[in-house]
């Protein structure tokens, strides 16, 4: 599901709201999650999961084509851990 499909689905389920209002709400939530992660904070949505930022320290890698050593700088990557409720929903038979 992409963001526009999410907005359409939420607007259909809440006919008392205008689609542009639903879109603003979805954008506000996603922006706040992104801003929190940019600050290094952990974002937990109960029953869904937790978003966090993981640090990958600088290291020496290798160019796969030439085998030459390459310095790879430190970086931060997003990480998601699914919550118990969503794991159970996915594994329901």
C-alpha atoms as a PDB file:
ATOM      1  CA  UNK A   1       0.000   0.000   0.000  1.00  0.00           C
ATOM      2  CA  UNK A   2       1.320   3.422  -0.901  1.00  0.00           C
ATOM      3  CA  UNK A   3       0.538   6.685   0.886  1.00  0.00           C
ATOM      4  CA  UNK A   4      -2.126   7.799  -1.612  1.00  0.00           C
ATOM      5  CA  UNK A   5      -3.943   4.462  -1.215  1.00  0.00           C
ATOM      6  CA  UNK A   6      -3.824   4.852   2.563  1.00  0.00           C
ATOM      7  CA  UNK A   7      -5.308   8.351   2.287  1.00  0.00           C
ATOM      8  CA  UNK A   8      -8.090   7.105  -0.004  1.00  0.00           C
ATOM      9  CA  UNK A   9      -8.921   4.201   2.318  1.00  0.00           C
ATOM     10  CA  UNK A  10      -9.019   6.406   5.416  1.00  0.00           C
ATOM     11  CA  UNK A  11     -11.138   9.018   3.610  1.00  0.00           C
ATOM     12  CA  UNK A  12     -13.595   6.306   2.528  1.00  0.00           C
ATOM     13  CA  UNK A  13     -13.833   4.971   6.098  1.00  0.00           C
ATOM     14  CA  UNK A  14     -14.379   8.490   7.482  1.00  0.00           C
ATOM     15  CA  UNK A  15     -16.856  10.201   5.143  1.00  0.00           C
ATOM     16  CA  UNK A  16     -17.282  13.105   7.577  1.00  0.00           C
ATOM     17  CA  UNK A  17     -13.688  14.200   6.776  1.00  0.00           C
ATOM     18  CA  UNK A  18     -12.534  15.804   3.547  1.00  0.00           C
ATOM     19  CA  UNK A  19      -9.848  13.904   1.657  1.00  0.00           C
ATOM     20  CA  UNK A  20      -7.465  16.859   1.894  1.00  0.00           C
ATOM     21  CA  UNK A  21      -7.878  16.829   5.688  1.00  0.00           C
ATOM     22  CA  UNK A  22      -7.087  13.094   5.817  1.00  0.00           C
ATOM     23  CA  UNK A  23      -4.047  13.714   3.617  1.00  0.00           C
ATOM     24  CA  UNK A  24      -2.869  16.498   5.970  1.00  0.00           C
ATOM     25  CA  UNK A  25      -3.302  14.177   8.974  1.00  0.00           C
ATOM     26  CA  UNK A  26      -1.347  11.349   7.341  1.00  0.00           C
ATOM     27  CA  UNK A  27       1.411  13.764   6.273  1.00  0.00           C
ATOM     28  CA  UNK A  28       1.606  15.251   9.786  1.00  0.00           C
ATOM     29  CA  UNK A  29       1.990  11.800  11.365  1.00  0.00           C
ATOM     30  CA  UNK A  30       4.638  10.655   8.883  1.00  0.00           C
ATOM     31  CA  UNK A  31       6.519  13.960   9.150  1.00  0.00           C
ATOM     32  CA  UNK A  32       6.599  13.698  12.938  1.00  0.00           C
ATOM     33  CA  UNK A  33       7.854  10.096  12.787  1.00  0.00           C
ATOM     34  CA  UNK A  34      10.588  11.182  10.362  1.00  0.00           C
ATOM     35  CA  UNK A  35      11.531  14.213  12.470  1.00  0.00           C
ATOM     36  CA  UNK A  36      11.758  12.090  15.630  1.00  0.00           C
ATOM     37  CA  UNK A  37      13.979   9.560  13.893  1.00  0.00           C
ATOM     38  CA  UNK A  38      16.171  12.361  12.507  1.00  0.00           C
ATOM     39  CA  UNK A  39      16.699  13.478  16.121  1.00  0.00           C
ATOM     40  CA  UNK A  40      17.698   9.915  16.995  1.00  0.00           C
ATOM     41  CA  UNK A  41      14.508   9.190  18.947  1.00  0.00           C
ATOM     42  CA  UNK A  42      12.670   5.881  18.947  1.00  0.00           C
ATOM     43  CA  UNK A  43       9.060   5.909  17.734  1.00  0.00           C
ATOM     44  CA  UNK A  44       6.751   3.203  19.062  1.00  0.00           C
ATOM     45  CA  UNK A  45       3.248   2.588  17.742  1.00  0.00           C
ATOM     46  CA  UNK A  46       1.598   0.124  20.132  1.00  0.00           C
ATOM     47  CA  UNK A  47       0.475  -3.043  18.409  1.00  0.00           C
ATOM     48  CA  UNK A  48       2.229  -2.073  15.171  1.00  0.00           C
ATOM     49  CA  UNK A  49       5.921  -1.776  15.909  1.00  0.00           C
ATOM     50  CA  UNK A  50       8.846   0.447  16.733  1.00  0.00           C
ATOM     51  CA  UNK A  51      11.020   2.565  14.473  1.00  0.00           C
ATOM     52  CA  UNK A  52      14.532   3.354  15.627  1.00  0.00           C
ATOM     53  CA  UNK A  53      17.852   4.564  14.257  1.00  0.00           C
ATOM     54  CA  UNK A  54      20.861   2.272  14.251  1.00  0.00           C
ATOM     55  CA  UNK A  55      24.436   3.512  14.005  1.00  0.00           C
ATOM     56  CA  UNK A  56      26.781   1.721  11.637  1.00  0.00           C
ATOM     57  CA  UNK A  57      30.349   2.713  12.513  1.00  0.00           C
ATOM     58  CA  UNK A  58      32.995   3.513   9.922  1.00  0.00           C
ATOM     59  CA  UNK A  59      34.763   0.468   8.506  1.00  0.00           C
ATOM     60  CA  UNK A  60      37.080  -0.679   5.760  1.00  0.00           C
ATOM     61  CA  UNK A  61      35.228  -2.436   2.939  1.00  0.00           C
ATOM     62  CA  UNK A  62      36.304  -3.926  -0.340  1.00  0.00           C
ATOM     63  CA  UNK A  63      35.413  -3.007  -3.888  1.00  0.00           C
ATOM     64  CA  UNK A  64      33.874  -6.256  -5.174  1.00  0.00           C
ATOM     65  CA  UNK A  65      35.137  -5.713  -8.700  1.00  0.00           C
ATOM     66  CA  UNK A  66      38.791  -4.878  -7.976  1.00  0.00           C
ATOM     67  CA  UNK A  67      39.267  -6.164  -4.414  1.00  0.00           C
ATOM     68  CA  UNK A  68      40.701  -2.761  -3.484  1.00  0.00           C
ATOM     69  CA  UNK A  69      40.154  -1.551   0.090  1.00  0.00           C
ATOM     70  CA  UNK A  70      37.640   1.272   0.430  1.00  0.00           C
ATOM     71  CA  UNK A  71      36.890   3.395   3.485  1.00  0.00           C
ATOM     72  CA  UNK A  72      33.172   3.351   4.288  1.00  0.00           C
ATOM     73  CA  UNK A  73      32.062   6.232   6.502  1.00  0.00           C
ATOM     74  CA  UNK A  74      29.841   6.093   9.555  1.00  0.00           C
ATOM     75  CA  UNK A  75      26.132   6.115   8.791  1.00  0.00           C
ATOM     76  CA  UNK A  76      22.756   5.881  10.463  1.00  0.00           C
ATOM     77  CA  UNK A  77      20.088   3.554   9.119  1.00  0.00           C
ATOM     78  CA  UNK A  78      16.389   3.191  10.012  1.00  0.00           C
ATOM     79  CA  UNK A  79      15.318   0.005  11.729  1.00  0.00           C
ATOM     80  CA  UNK A  80      11.817  -1.397  12.257  1.00  0.00           C
ATOM     81  CA  UNK A  81      10.775  -4.060  14.720  1.00  0.00           C
ATOM     82  CA  UNK A  82       7.248  -5.402  14.325  1.00  0.00           C
ATOM     83  CA  UNK A  83       5.054  -5.430  17.411  1.00  0.00           C
ATOM     84  CA  UNK A  84       3.514  -8.531  18.947  1.00  0.00           C
ATOM     85  CA  UNK A  85      -0.001  -7.796  17.679  1.00  0.00           C
ATOM     86  CA  UNK A  86       1.009  -7.350  14.041  1.00  0.00           C
ATOM     87  CA  UNK A  87       3.232 -10.473  14.148  1.00  0.00           C
ATOM     88  CA  UNK A  88       0.271 -12.473  15.432  1.00  0.00           C
ATOM     89  CA  UNK A  89      -2.008 -11.058  12.692  1.00  0.00           C
ATOM     90  CA  UNK A  90       0.519 -11.987  10.020  1.00  0.00           C
ATOM     91  CA  UNK A  91       0.895 -15.529  11.322  1.00  0.00           C
ATOM     92  CA  UNK A  92      -2.789 -16.244  11.881  1.00  0.00           C
ATOM     93  CA  UNK A  93      -4.006 -19.257   9.941  1.00  0.00           C
END
